[in-house]
Protein backbone atom coordinates (compact mmCIF):
# COMPACT_ATOMS: atom_id res chain seq x y z
CA UNK A 1 0.00 0.00 0.00
CA UNK A 2 1.22 3.51 -0.82
CA UNK A 3 0.74 5.69 2.26
CA UNK A 4 1.17 9.43 2.82
CA UNK A 5 1.59 10.86 6.32
CA UNK A 6 1.40 14.60 6.96
CA UNK A 7 2.92 16.06 10.10
CA UNK A 8 4.54 19.20 11.40
CA UNK A 9 7.65 17.46 12.73
CA UNK A 10 9.15 14.05 11.92
CA UNK A 11 11.16 13.14 15.00
CA UNK A 12 11.42 10.70 17.91
CA UNK A 13 11.15 13.36 20.63
CA UNK A 14 7.58 13.67 21.92
CA UNK A 15 4.82 11.10 22.17
CA UNK A 16 2.97 11.84 18.94
CA UNK A 17 6.21 12.24 17.01
CA UNK A 18 7.61 8.96 18.35
CA UNK A 19 4.31 7.21 17.54
CA UNK A 20 4.46 8.39 13.91
CA UNK A 21 8.15 7.57 13.53
CA UNK A 22 7.66 4.03 14.84
CA UNK A 23 4.52 3.47 12.76
CA UNK A 24 6.20 4.58 9.53
CA UNK A 25 9.32 2.53 10.31
CA UNK A 26 7.27 -0.63 10.83
CA UNK A 27 5.03 -0.09 7.81
CA UNK A 28 8.09 0.40 5.59
CA UNK A 29 9.73 -2.73 7.01
CA UNK A 30 6.57 -4.69 6.09
CA UNK A 31 6.92 -3.57 2.47
CA UNK A 32 4.57 -0.58 2.29
CA UNK A 33 5.54 2.49 0.28
CA UNK A 34 5.66 5.16 3.01
CA UNK A 35 5.95 8.92 2.45
CA UNK A 36 6.12 11.58 5.17
CA UNK A 37 5.37 15.23 4.37
CA UNK A 38 6.66 17.66 7.00
CA UNK A 39 8.37 21.01 7.48
CA UNK A 40 10.50 20.15 10.52
CA UNK A 41 12.90 17.23 10.32
CA UNK A 42 15.17 16.65 13.25
CA UNK A 43 16.07 13.03 12.67
CA UNK A 44 16.93 11.06 9.51
CA UNK A 45 13.99 9.20 8.01
CA UNK A 46 13.45 5.65 9.17
CA UNK A 47 14.79 3.02 6.74
CA UNK A 48 12.50 2.71 3.74
CA UNK A 49 10.59 5.91 4.53
CA UNK A 50 10.66 8.76 2.02
CA UNK A 51 10.48 12.18 3.59
CA UNK A 52 9.34 15.23 1.63
CA UNK A 53 9.90 18.84 2.69
CA UNK A 54 6.85 21.09 2.93
CA UNK A 55 8.01 24.70 2.54
CA UNK A 56 6.54 27.02 5.13
CA UNK A 57 5.60 30.56 4.21
CA UNK A 58 5.07 32.31 7.49
CA UNK A 59 6.79 34.22 10.23
CA UNK A 60 4.59 33.11 13.13
CA UNK A 61 3.36 29.82 14.58
CA UNK A 62 -0.17 30.53 13.31
CA UNK A 63 1.13 31.29 9.82
CA UNK A 64 3.11 28.02 9.88
CA UNK A 65 -0.01 26.04 10.81
CA UNK A 66 -2.00 27.62 7.98
CA UNK A 67 0.85 27.15 5.53
CA UNK A 68 1.14 23.44 6.38
CA UNK A 69 -2.65 23.03 6.21
CA UNK A 70 -2.80 24.48 2.72
CA UNK A 71 0.39 23.14 1.16
CA UNK A 72 0.93 19.63 2.56
CA UNK A 73 -2.10 18.02 0.93
CA UNK A 74 -1.35 19.74 -2.38
CA UNK A 75 2.22 18.44 -2.33
CA UNK A 76 1.07 14.95 -1.29
CA UNK A 77 -1.51 14.96 -4.09
CA UNK A 78 1.27 15.50 -6.63
CA UNK A 79 2.01 11.78 -6.11
CA UNK A 80 -0.47 8.91 -6.09
CA UNK A 81 -1.20 7.54 -2.61
CA UNK A 82 -3.77 4.98 -1.55
CA UNK A 83 -4.37 6.76 1.74
CA UNK A 84 -3.41 10.13 3.26
CA UNK A 85 -3.15 10.19 7.05
CA UNK A 86 -2.69 13.46 8.91
CA UNK A 87 -0.92 13.91 12.22
CA UNK A 88 -1.44 17.68 11.88
CA UNK A 89 -4.25 20.11 11.21
CA UNK A 90 -4.54 19.99 7.44
CA UNK A 91 -7.30 20.05 4.86
CA UNK A 92 -8.52 17.10 2.80
CA UNK A 93 -6.83 14.07 4.36
CA UNK A 94 -8.48 10.63 4.36
CA UNK A 95 -7.75 9.96 8.04
CA UNK A 96 -6.93 12.44 10.79
CA UNK A 97 -5.11 11.27 13.91
CA UNK A 98 -6.34 13.36 16.81
CA UNK A 99 -4.09 13.39 19.82
CA UNK A 100 -1.22 15.14 21.43
CA UNK A 101 -2.81 15.48 24.84
CA UNK A 102 -4.05 18.58 26.59
CA UNK A 103 -2.24 21.86 26.27
CA UNK A 104 -2.76 25.08 28.19
PDB file of N, CA and C in Angstrom:
ATOM      1  N   UNK A   1       0.843  -1.176   0.000  1.00  0.00           N
ATOM      2  CA  UNK A   1       0.000   0.000   0.000  1.00  0.00           C
ATOM      3  C   UNK A   1       0.892   1.245   0.000  1.00  0.00           C
ATOM      4  N   UNK A   2       0.495   2.249  -0.734  1.00  0.00           N
ATOM      5  CA  UNK A   2       1.219   3.507  -0.820  1.00  0.00           C
ATOM      6  C   UNK A   2       0.563   4.501   0.139  1.00  0.00           C
ATOM      7  N   UNK A   3       1.294   4.880   1.188  1.00  0.00           N
ATOM      8  CA  UNK A   3       0.737   5.689   2.263  1.00  0.00           C
ATOM      9  C   UNK A   3       1.429   7.039   2.374  1.00  0.00           C
ATOM     10  N   UNK A   4       0.642   8.090   2.592  1.00  0.00           N
ATOM     11  CA  UNK A   4       1.167   9.432   2.825  1.00  0.00           C
ATOM     12  C   UNK A   4       0.810   9.848   4.243  1.00  0.00           C
ATOM     13  N   UNK A   5       1.802  10.330   4.977  1.00  0.00           N
ATOM     14  CA  UNK A   5       1.594  10.864   6.324  1.00  0.00           C
ATOM     15  C   UNK A   5       1.973  12.334   6.305  1.00  0.00           C
ATOM     16  N   UNK A   6       1.130  13.172   6.888  1.00  0.00           N
ATOM     17  CA  UNK A   6       1.399  14.602   6.961  1.00  0.00           C
ATOM     18  C   UNK A   6       1.555  14.968   8.433  1.00  0.00           C
ATOM     19  N   UNK A   7       2.641  15.658   8.735  1.00  0.00           N
ATOM     20  CA  UNK A   7       2.918  16.064  10.104  1.00  0.00           C
ATOM     21  C   UNK A   7       3.724  17.346  10.119  1.00  0.00           C
ATOM     22  N   UNK A   8       3.708  18.010  11.245  1.00  0.00           N
ATOM     23  CA  UNK A   8       4.538  19.203  11.399  1.00  0.00           C
ATOM     24  C   UNK A   8       5.999  18.794  11.520  1.00  0.00           C
ATOM     25  N   UNK A   9       6.266  17.843  12.421  1.00  0.00           N
ATOM     26  CA  UNK A   9       7.645  17.463  12.730  1.00  0.00           C
ATOM     27  C   UNK A   9       7.796  15.948  12.672  1.00  0.00           C
ATOM     28  N   UNK A  10       8.823  15.480  11.979  1.00  0.00           N
ATOM     29  CA  UNK A  10       9.146  14.053  11.920  1.00  0.00           C
ATOM     30  C   UNK A  10      10.358  13.834  12.804  1.00  0.00           C
ATOM     31  N   UNK A  11      10.137  13.208  13.964  1.00  0.00           N
ATOM     32  CA  UNK A  11      11.163  13.136  15.000  1.00  0.00           C
ATOM     33  C   UNK A  11      10.817  11.988  15.944  1.00  0.00           C
ATOM     34  N   UNK A  12      11.698  11.715  16.880  1.00  0.00           N
ATOM     35  CA  UNK A  12      11.420  10.704  17.906  1.00  0.00           C
ATOM     36  C   UNK A  12      11.284  11.338  19.284  1.00  0.00           C
ATOM     37  N   UNK A  13      11.322  12.658  19.357  1.00  0.00           N
ATOM     38  CA  UNK A  13      11.151  13.359  20.629  1.00  0.00           C
ATOM     39  C   UNK A  13       9.698  13.817  20.717  1.00  0.00           C
ATOM     40  N   UNK A  14       8.999  13.366  21.747  1.00  0.00           N
ATOM     41  CA  UNK A  14       7.582  13.674  21.916  1.00  0.00           C
ATOM     42  C   UNK A  14       6.755  12.440  21.629  1.00  0.00           C
ATOM     43  N   UNK A  15       5.643  12.296  22.304  1.00  0.00           N
ATOM     44  CA  UNK A  15       4.816  11.100  22.171  1.00  0.00           C
ATOM     45  C   UNK A  15       4.217  10.904  20.792  1.00  0.00           C
ATOM     46  N   UNK A  16       3.582  11.935  20.258  1.00  0.00           N
ATOM     47  CA  UNK A  16       2.969  11.838  18.938  1.00  0.00           C
ATOM     48  C   UNK A  16       4.025  11.636  17.863  1.00  0.00           C
ATOM     49  N   UNK A  17       5.122  12.360  17.978  1.00  0.00           N
ATOM     50  CA  UNK A  17       6.205  12.241  17.009  1.00  0.00           C
ATOM     51  C   UNK A  17       6.804  10.840  17.025  1.00  0.00           C
ATOM     52  N   UNK A  18       7.044  10.309  18.213  1.00  0.00           N
ATOM     53  CA  UNK A  18       7.606   8.959  18.351  1.00  0.00           C
ATOM     54  C   UNK A  18       6.637   7.910  17.803  1.00  0.00           C
ATOM     55  N   UNK A  19       5.345   8.107  18.054  1.00  0.00           N
ATOM     56  CA  UNK A  19       4.314   7.206  17.537  1.00  0.00           C
ATOM     57  C   UNK A  19       4.355   7.163  16.006  1.00  0.00           C
ATOM     58  N   UNK A  20       4.407   8.331  15.375  1.00  0.00           N
ATOM     59  CA  UNK A  20       4.460   8.388  13.911  1.00  0.00           C
ATOM     60  C   UNK A  20       5.747   7.778  13.375  1.00  0.00           C
ATOM     61  N   UNK A  21       6.872   8.103  13.987  1.00  0.00           N
ATOM     62  CA  UNK A  21       8.153   7.568  13.527  1.00  0.00           C
ATOM     63  C   UNK A  21       8.142   6.039  13.573  1.00  0.00           C
ATOM     64  N   UNK A  22       7.690   5.490  14.682  1.00  0.00           N
ATOM     65  CA  UNK A  22       7.663   4.028  14.835  1.00  0.00           C
ATOM     66  C   UNK A  22       6.672   3.383  13.869  1.00  0.00           C
ATOM     67  N   UNK A  23       5.513   3.994  13.699  1.00  0.00           N
ATOM     68  CA  UNK A  23       4.516   3.468  12.760  1.00  0.00           C
ATOM     69  C   UNK A  23       5.066   3.441  11.339  1.00  0.00           C
ATOM     70  N   UNK A  24       5.672   4.546  10.904  1.00  0.00           N
ATOM     71  CA  UNK A  24       6.205   4.585   9.532  1.00  0.00           C
ATOM     72  C   UNK A  24       7.358   3.604   9.361  1.00  0.00           C
ATOM     73  N   UNK A  25       8.196   3.474  10.376  1.00  0.00           N
ATOM     74  CA  UNK A  25       9.317   2.529  10.314  1.00  0.00           C
ATOM     75  C   UNK A  25       8.805   1.108  10.131  1.00  0.00           C
ATOM     76  N   UNK A  26       7.812   0.735  10.918  1.00  0.00           N
ATOM     77  CA  UNK A  26       7.271  -0.629  10.825  1.00  0.00           C
ATOM     78  C   UNK A  26       6.545  -0.870   9.518  1.00  0.00           C
ATOM     79  N   UNK A  27       5.734   0.082   9.082  1.00  0.00           N
ATOM     80  CA  UNK A  27       5.030  -0.089   7.809  1.00  0.00           C
ATOM     81  C   UNK A  27       6.009  -0.258   6.656  1.00  0.00           C
ATOM     82  N   UNK A  28       7.071   0.528   6.644  1.00  0.00           N
ATOM     83  CA  UNK A  28       8.088   0.404   5.589  1.00  0.00           C
ATOM     84  C   UNK A  28       8.779  -0.951   5.666  1.00  0.00           C
ATOM     85  N   UNK A  29       9.059  -1.432   6.871  1.00  0.00           N
ATOM     86  CA  UNK A  29       9.730  -2.735   7.011  1.00  0.00           C
ATOM     87  C   UNK A  29       8.825  -3.884   6.556  1.00  0.00           C
ATOM     88  N   UNK A  30       7.519  -3.665   6.556  1.00  0.00           N
ATOM     89  CA  UNK A  30       6.571  -4.686   6.087  1.00  0.00           C
ATOM     90  C   UNK A  30       6.305  -4.575   4.591  1.00  0.00           C
ATOM     91  N   UNK A  31       7.009  -3.658   3.918  1.00  0.00           N
ATOM     92  CA  UNK A  31       6.921  -3.570   2.466  1.00  0.00           C
ATOM     93  C   UNK A  31       6.005  -2.491   1.921  1.00  0.00           C
ATOM     94  N   UNK A  32       5.425  -1.670   2.771  1.00  0.00           N
ATOM     95  CA  UNK A  32       4.571  -0.584   2.292  1.00  0.00           C
ATOM     96  C   UNK A  32       5.435   0.563   1.774  1.00  0.00           C
ATOM     97  N   UNK A  33       4.884   1.298   0.826  1.00  0.00           N
ATOM     98  CA  UNK A  33       5.543   2.488   0.280  1.00  0.00           C
ATOM     99  C   UNK A  33       5.104   3.668   1.146  1.00  0.00           C
ATOM    100  N   UNK A  34       6.006   4.161   2.000  1.00  0.00           N
ATOM    101  CA  UNK A  34       5.656   5.159   3.012  1.00  0.00           C
ATOM    102  C   UNK A  34       6.312   6.501   2.704  1.00  0.00           C
ATOM    103  N   UNK A  35       5.486   7.550   2.690  1.00  0.00           N
ATOM    104  CA  UNK A  35       5.945   8.915   2.448  1.00  0.00           C
ATOM    105  C   UNK A  35       5.522   9.783   3.629  1.00  0.00           C
ATOM    106  N   UNK A  36       6.423  10.635   4.092  1.00  0.00           N
ATOM    107  CA  UNK A  36       6.118  11.575   5.172  1.00  0.00           C
ATOM    108  C   UNK A  36       6.340  12.982   4.640  1.00  0.00           C
ATOM    109  N   UNK A  37       5.319  13.833   4.783  1.00  0.00           N
ATOM    110  CA  UNK A  37       5.373  15.226   4.366  1.00  0.00           C
ATOM    111  C   UNK A  37       5.416  16.085   5.624  1.00  0.00           C
ATOM    112  N   UNK A  38       6.491  16.860   5.786  1.00  0.00           N
ATOM    113  CA  UNK A  38       6.657  17.661   7.000  1.00  0.00           C
ATOM    114  C   UNK A  38       7.500  18.891   6.698  1.00  0.00           C
ATOM    115  N   UNK A  39       7.478  19.859   7.649  1.00  0.00           N
ATOM    116  CA  UNK A  39       8.370  21.014   7.478  1.00  0.00           C
ATOM    117  C   UNK A  39       9.488  21.043   8.488  1.00  0.00           C
ATOM    118  N   UNK A  40       9.391  20.259   9.565  1.00  0.00           N
ATOM    119  CA  UNK A  40      10.499  20.147  10.516  1.00  0.00           C
ATOM    120  C   UNK A  40      11.013  18.722  10.488  1.00  0.00           C
ATOM    121  N   UNK A  41      12.303  18.559  10.306  1.00  0.00           N
ATOM    122  CA  UNK A  41      12.900  17.225  10.319  1.00  0.00           C
ATOM    123  C   UNK A  41      14.149  17.281  11.184  1.00  0.00           C
ATOM    124  N   UNK A  42      14.072  16.620  12.300  1.00  0.00           N
ATOM    125  CA  UNK A  42      15.173  16.655  13.250  1.00  0.00           C
ATOM    126  C   UNK A  42      15.941  15.351  13.304  1.00  0.00           C
ATOM    127  N   UNK A  43      15.442  14.345  12.651  1.00  0.00           N
ATOM    128  CA  UNK A  43      16.067  13.027  12.669  1.00  0.00           C
ATOM    129  C   UNK A  43      16.006  12.459  11.253  1.00  0.00           C
ATOM    130  N   UNK A  44      17.008  11.690  10.842  1.00  0.00           N
ATOM    131  CA  UNK A  44      16.927  11.060   9.515  1.00  0.00           C
ATOM    132  C   UNK A  44      15.684  10.175   9.416  1.00  0.00           C
ATOM    133  N   UNK A  45      15.166  10.044   8.221  1.00  0.00           N
ATOM    134  CA  UNK A  45      13.992   9.198   8.009  1.00  0.00           C
ATOM    135  C   UNK A  45      14.305   7.760   8.382  1.00  0.00           C
ATOM    136  N   UNK A  46      13.301   7.075   8.867  1.00  0.00           N
ATOM    137  CA  UNK A  46      13.450   5.652   9.173  1.00  0.00           C
ATOM    138  C   UNK A  46      13.772   4.915   7.874  1.00  0.00           C
ATOM    139  N   UNK A  47      14.463   3.784   7.954  1.00  0.00           N
ATOM    140  CA  UNK A  47      14.794   3.024   6.743  1.00  0.00           C
ATOM    141  C   UNK A  47      13.548   2.702   5.924  1.00  0.00           C
ATOM    142  N   UNK A  48      13.612   2.991   4.637  1.00  0.00           N
ATOM    143  CA  UNK A  48      12.497   2.706   3.735  1.00  0.00           C
ATOM    144  C   UNK A  48      11.430   3.786   3.679  1.00  0.00           C
ATOM    145  N   UNK A  49      11.563   4.813   4.502  1.00  0.00           N
ATOM    146  CA  UNK A  49      10.590   5.909   4.531  1.00  0.00           C
ATOM    147  C   UNK A  49      11.124   7.067   3.699  1.00  0.00           C
ATOM    148  N   UNK A  50      10.278   7.602   2.823  1.00  0.00           N
ATOM    149  CA  UNK A  50      10.665   8.763   2.022  1.00  0.00           C
ATOM    150  C   UNK A  50      10.060  10.017   2.640  1.00  0.00           C
ATOM    151  N   UNK A  51      10.930  10.955   2.959  1.00  0.00           N
ATOM    152  CA  UNK A  51      10.479  12.184   3.593  1.00  0.00           C
ATOM    153  C   UNK A  51      10.521  13.312   2.573  1.00  0.00           C
ATOM    154  N   UNK A  52       9.465  14.131   2.571  1.00  0.00           N
ATOM    155  CA  UNK A  52       9.340  15.234   1.628  1.00  0.00           C
ATOM    156  C   UNK A  52       9.186  16.535   2.407  1.00  0.00           C
ATOM    157  N   UNK A  53       9.936  17.540   2.028  1.00  0.00           N
ATOM    158  CA  UNK A  53       9.905  18.838   2.694  1.00  0.00           C
ATOM    159  C   UNK A  53       8.688  19.636   2.244  1.00  0.00           C
ATOM    160  N   UNK A  54       7.950  20.167   3.207  1.00  0.00           N
ATOM    161  CA  UNK A  54       6.852  21.087   2.926  1.00  0.00           C
ATOM    162  C   UNK A  54       7.369  22.483   3.252  1.00  0.00           C
ATOM    163  N   UNK A  55       7.504  23.350   2.251  1.00  0.00           N
ATOM    164  CA  UNK A  55       8.007  24.698   2.537  1.00  0.00           C
ATOM    165  C   UNK A  55       6.969  25.505   3.297  1.00  0.00           C
ATOM    166  N   UNK A  56       7.424  26.205   4.309  1.00  0.00           N
ATOM    167  CA  UNK A  56       6.538  27.018   5.133  1.00  0.00           C
ATOM    168  C   UNK A  56       6.709  28.480   4.760  1.00  0.00           C
ATOM    169  N   UNK A  57       5.588  29.143   4.602  1.00  0.00           N
ATOM    170  CA  UNK A  57       5.604  30.561   4.213  1.00  0.00           C
ATOM    171  C   UNK A  57       4.933  31.366   5.311  1.00  0.00           C
ATOM    172  N   UNK A  58       5.638  31.545   6.398  1.00  0.00           N
ATOM    173  CA  UNK A  58       5.070  32.314   7.489  1.00  0.00           C
ATOM    174  C   UNK A  58       6.126  32.697   8.497  1.00  0.00           C
ATOM    175  N   UNK A  59       5.836  33.744   9.236  1.00  0.00           N
ATOM    176  CA  UNK A  59       6.793  34.219  10.225  1.00  0.00           C
ATOM    177  C   UNK A  59       6.328  33.932  11.646  1.00  0.00           C
ATOM    178  N   UNK A  60       5.118  33.393  11.796  1.00  0.00           N
ATOM    179  CA  UNK A  60       4.590  33.109  13.130  1.00  0.00           C
ATOM    180  C   UNK A  60       4.112  31.658  13.192  1.00  0.00           C
ATOM    181  N   UNK A  61       3.854  31.188  14.393  1.00  0.00           N
ATOM    182  CA  UNK A  61       3.361  29.821  14.577  1.00  0.00           C
ATOM    183  C   UNK A  61       2.021  29.628  13.859  1.00  0.00           C
ATOM    184  N   UNK A  62       1.138  30.611  13.972  1.00  0.00           N
ATOM    185  CA  UNK A  62      -0.166  30.532  13.308  1.00  0.00           C
ATOM    186  C   UNK A  62       0.000  30.484  11.798  1.00  0.00           C
ATOM    187  N   UNK A  63       0.882  31.298  11.263  1.00  0.00           N
ATOM    188  CA  UNK A  63       1.134  31.289   9.820  1.00  0.00           C
ATOM    189  C   UNK A  63       1.705  29.955   9.378  1.00  0.00           C
ATOM    190  N   UNK A  64       2.556  29.335  10.205  1.00  0.00           N
ATOM    191  CA  UNK A  64       3.110  28.023   9.878  1.00  0.00           C
ATOM    192  C   UNK A  64       2.023  26.960   9.828  1.00  0.00           C
ATOM    193  N   UNK A  65       1.092  27.005  10.787  1.00  0.00           N
ATOM    194  CA  UNK A  65      -0.015  26.035  10.815  1.00  0.00           C
ATOM    195  C   UNK A  65      -0.861  26.172   9.562  1.00  0.00           C
ATOM    196  N   UNK A  66      -1.212  27.400   9.193  1.00  0.00           N
ATOM    197  CA  UNK A  66      -2.003  27.624   7.982  1.00  0.00           C
ATOM    198  C   UNK A  66      -1.241  27.217   6.724  1.00  0.00           C
ATOM    199  N   UNK A  67       0.036  27.503   6.690  1.00  0.00           N
ATOM    200  CA  UNK A  67       0.850  27.147   5.535  1.00  0.00           C
ATOM    201  C   UNK A  67       0.894  25.633   5.354  1.00  0.00           C
ATOM    202  N   UNK A  68       1.131  24.904   6.444  1.00  0.00           N
ATOM    203  CA  UNK A  68       1.139  23.442   6.380  1.00  0.00           C
ATOM    204  C   UNK A  68      -0.228  22.920   5.960  1.00  0.00           C
ATOM    205  N   UNK A  69      -1.291  23.477   6.531  1.00  0.00           N
ATOM    206  CA  UNK A  69      -2.651  23.033   6.213  1.00  0.00           C
ATOM    207  C   UNK A  69      -2.951  23.168   4.729  1.00  0.00           C
ATOM    208  N   UNK A  70      -2.517  24.241   4.139  1.00  0.00           N
ATOM    209  CA  UNK A  70      -2.802  24.478   2.718  1.00  0.00           C
ATOM    210  C   UNK A  70      -1.869  23.713   1.789  1.00  0.00           C
ATOM    211  N   UNK A  71      -0.588  23.664   2.109  1.00  0.00           N
ATOM    212  CA  UNK A  71       0.395  23.140   1.163  1.00  0.00           C
ATOM    213  C   UNK A  71       0.623  21.633   1.228  1.00  0.00           C
ATOM    214  N   UNK A  72       0.548  21.043   2.405  1.00  0.00           N
ATOM    215  CA  UNK A  72       0.926  19.633   2.564  1.00  0.00           C
ATOM    216  C   UNK A  72       0.078  18.714   1.698  1.00  0.00           C
ATOM    217  N   UNK A  73      -1.231  18.889   1.715  1.00  0.00           N
ATOM    218  CA  UNK A  73      -2.104  18.020   0.926  1.00  0.00           C
ATOM    219  C   UNK A  73      -1.871  18.226  -0.567  1.00  0.00           C
ATOM    220  N   UNK A  74      -1.632  19.456  -0.972  1.00  0.00           N
ATOM    221  CA  UNK A  74      -1.351  19.743  -2.380  1.00  0.00           C
ATOM    222  C   UNK A  74      -0.075  19.034  -2.825  1.00  0.00           C
ATOM    223  N   UNK A  75       0.957  19.102  -1.995  1.00  0.00           N
ATOM    224  CA  UNK A  75       2.219  18.439  -2.325  1.00  0.00           C
ATOM    225  C   UNK A  75       2.037  16.921  -2.329  1.00  0.00           C
ATOM    226  N   UNK A  76       1.319  16.400  -1.340  1.00  0.00           N
ATOM    227  CA  UNK A  76       1.072  14.953  -1.289  1.00  0.00           C
ATOM    228  C   UNK A  76       0.269  14.499  -2.503  1.00  0.00           C
ATOM    229  N   UNK A  77      -0.680  15.314  -2.938  1.00  0.00           N
ATOM    230  CA  UNK A  77      -1.510  14.956  -4.090  1.00  0.00           C
ATOM    231  C   UNK A  77      -0.741  14.969  -5.401  1.00  0.00           C
ATOM    232  N   UNK A  78       0.473  15.515  -5.407  1.00  0.00           N
ATOM    233  CA  UNK A  78       1.273  15.498  -6.631  1.00  0.00           C
ATOM    234  C   UNK A  78       1.801  14.087  -6.914  1.00  0.00           C
ATOM    235  N   UNK A  79       1.674  13.201  -5.939  1.00  0.00           N
ATOM    236  CA  UNK A  79       2.012  11.781  -6.106  1.00  0.00           C
ATOM    237  C   UNK A  79       0.741  10.974  -5.847  1.00  0.00           C
ATOM    238  N   UNK A  80       0.708   9.748  -6.302  1.00  0.00           N
ATOM    239  CA  UNK A  80      -0.468   8.907  -6.090  1.00  0.00           C
ATOM    240  C   UNK A  80      -0.285   8.108  -4.807  1.00  0.00           C
ATOM    241  N   UNK A  81      -1.212   8.280  -3.867  1.00  0.00           N
ATOM    242  CA  UNK A  81      -1.203   7.541  -2.609  1.00  0.00           C
ATOM    243  C   UNK A  81      -2.554   6.859  -2.427  1.00  0.00           C
ATOM    244  N   UNK A  82      -2.520   5.678  -1.828  1.00  0.00           N
ATOM    245  CA  UNK A  82      -3.770   4.976  -1.546  1.00  0.00           C
ATOM    246  C   UNK A  82      -4.513   5.621  -0.385  1.00  0.00           C
ATOM    247  N   UNK A  83      -3.775   6.207   0.527  1.00  0.00           N
ATOM    248  CA  UNK A  83      -4.366   6.764   1.737  1.00  0.00           C
ATOM    249  C   UNK A  83      -3.495   7.914   2.236  1.00  0.00           C
ATOM    250  N   UNK A  84      -4.121   9.003   2.660  1.00  0.00           N
ATOM    251  CA  UNK A  84      -3.405  10.128   3.258  1.00  0.00           C
ATOM    252  C   UNK A  84      -3.847  10.267   4.700  1.00  0.00           C
ATOM    253  N   UNK A  85      -2.888  10.152   5.611  1.00  0.00           N
ATOM    254  CA  UNK A  85      -3.150  10.192   7.046  1.00  0.00           C
ATOM    255  C   UNK A  85      -2.483  11.437   7.607  1.00  0.00           C
ATOM    256  N   UNK A  86      -3.234  12.224   8.362  1.00  0.00           N
ATOM    257  CA  UNK A  86      -2.688  13.458   8.907  1.00  0.00           C
ATOM    258  C   UNK A  86      -2.449  13.341  10.404  1.00  0.00           C
ATOM    259  N   UNK A  87      -1.272  13.756  10.820  1.00  0.00           N
ATOM    260  CA  UNK A  87      -0.922  13.914  12.220  1.00  0.00           C
ATOM    261  C   UNK A  87      -0.883  15.405  12.558  1.00  0.00           C
ATOM    262  N   UNK A  88      -1.431  16.228  11.703  1.00  0.00           N
ATOM    263  CA  UNK A  88      -1.443  17.676  11.878  1.00  0.00           C
ATOM    264  C   UNK A  88      -2.790  18.208  11.409  1.00  0.00           C
ATOM    265  N   UNK A  89      -3.008  19.468  11.650  1.00  0.00           N
ATOM    266  CA  UNK A  89      -4.250  20.109  11.212  1.00  0.00           C
ATOM    267  C   UNK A  89      -4.085  20.514   9.751  1.00  0.00           C
ATOM    268  N   UNK A  90      -4.614  19.690   8.862  1.00  0.00           N
ATOM    269  CA  UNK A  90      -4.540  19.986   7.439  1.00  0.00           C
ATOM    270  C   UNK A  90      -5.934  19.852   6.838  1.00  0.00           C
ATOM    271  N   UNK A  91      -6.026  20.087   5.553  1.00  0.00           N
ATOM    272  CA  UNK A  91      -7.301  20.046   4.855  1.00  0.00           C
ATOM    273  C   UNK A  91      -7.304  18.922   3.835  1.00  0.00           C
ATOM    274  N   UNK A  92      -8.322  18.076   3.849  1.00  0.00           N
ATOM    275  CA  UNK A  92      -8.523  17.102   2.798  1.00  0.00           C
ATOM    276  C   UNK A  92      -7.880  15.744   2.966  1.00  0.00           C
ATOM    277  N   UNK A  93      -7.421  15.391   4.150  1.00  0.00           N
ATOM    278  CA  UNK A  93      -6.827  14.069   4.355  1.00  0.00           C
ATOM    279  C   UNK A  93      -7.919  12.997   4.416  1.00  0.00           C
ATOM    280  N   UNK A  94      -7.530  11.732   4.234  1.00  0.00           N
ATOM    281  CA  UNK A  94      -8.478  10.626   4.359  1.00  0.00           C
ATOM    282  C   UNK A  94      -8.725  10.279   5.829  1.00  0.00           C
ATOM    283  N   UNK A  95      -7.669  10.282   6.616  1.00  0.00           N
ATOM    284  CA  UNK A  95      -7.752   9.960   8.044  1.00  0.00           C
ATOM    285  C   UNK A  95      -6.995  11.025   8.819  1.00  0.00           C
ATOM    286  N   UNK A  96      -7.583  11.463   9.927  1.00  0.00           N
ATOM    287  CA  UNK A  96      -6.926  12.435  10.790  1.00  0.00           C
ATOM    288  C   UNK A  96      -6.692  11.800  12.145  1.00  0.00           C
ATOM    289  N   UNK A  97      -5.436  11.777  12.583  1.00  0.00           N
ATOM    290  CA  UNK A  97      -5.115  11.265  13.912  1.00  0.00           C
ATOM    291  C   UNK A  97      -5.225  12.430  14.879  1.00  0.00           C
ATOM    292  N   UNK A  98      -6.158  12.321  15.793  1.00  0.00           N
ATOM    293  CA  UNK A  98      -6.344  13.359  16.808  1.00  0.00           C
ATOM    294  C   UNK A  98      -5.628  12.909  18.055  1.00  0.00           C
ATOM    295  N   UNK A  99      -4.815  13.760  18.609  1.00  0.00           N
ATOM    296  CA  UNK A  99      -4.092  13.390  19.816  1.00  0.00           C
ATOM    297  C   UNK A  99      -3.162  14.494  20.219  1.00  0.00           C
ATOM    298  N   UNK A 100      -2.185  14.151  20.975  1.00  0.00           N
ATOM    299  CA  UNK A 100      -1.224  15.137  21.430  1.00  0.00           C
ATOM    300  C   UNK A 100      -1.480  15.607  22.841  1.00  0.00           C
ATOM    301  N   UNK A 101      -2.550  15.131  23.453  1.00  0.00           N
ATOM    302  CA  UNK A 101      -2.805  15.485  24.845  1.00  0.00           C
ATOM    303  C   UNK A 101      -3.381  16.877  25.013  1.00  0.00           C
ATOM    304  N   UNK A 102      -3.517  17.262  26.241  1.00  0.00           N
ATOM    305  CA  UNK A 102      -4.054  18.577  26.588  1.00  0.00           C
ATOM    306  C   UNK A 102      -2.927  19.599  26.675  1.00  0.00           C
ATOM    307  N   UNK A 103      -3.219  20.779  26.226  1.00  0.00           N
ATOM    308  CA  UNK A 103      -2.239  21.862  26.271  1.00  0.00           C
ATOM    309  C   UNK A 103      -2.908  23.095  26.859  1.00  0.00           C
ATOM    310  N   UNK A 104      -2.166  23.872  27.619  1.00  0.00           N
ATOM    311  CA  UNK A 104      -2.757  25.085  28.191  1.00  0.00           C
ATOM    312  C   UNK A 104      -3.136  26.104  27.121  1.00  0.00           C
TER     313      UNK A 104
END
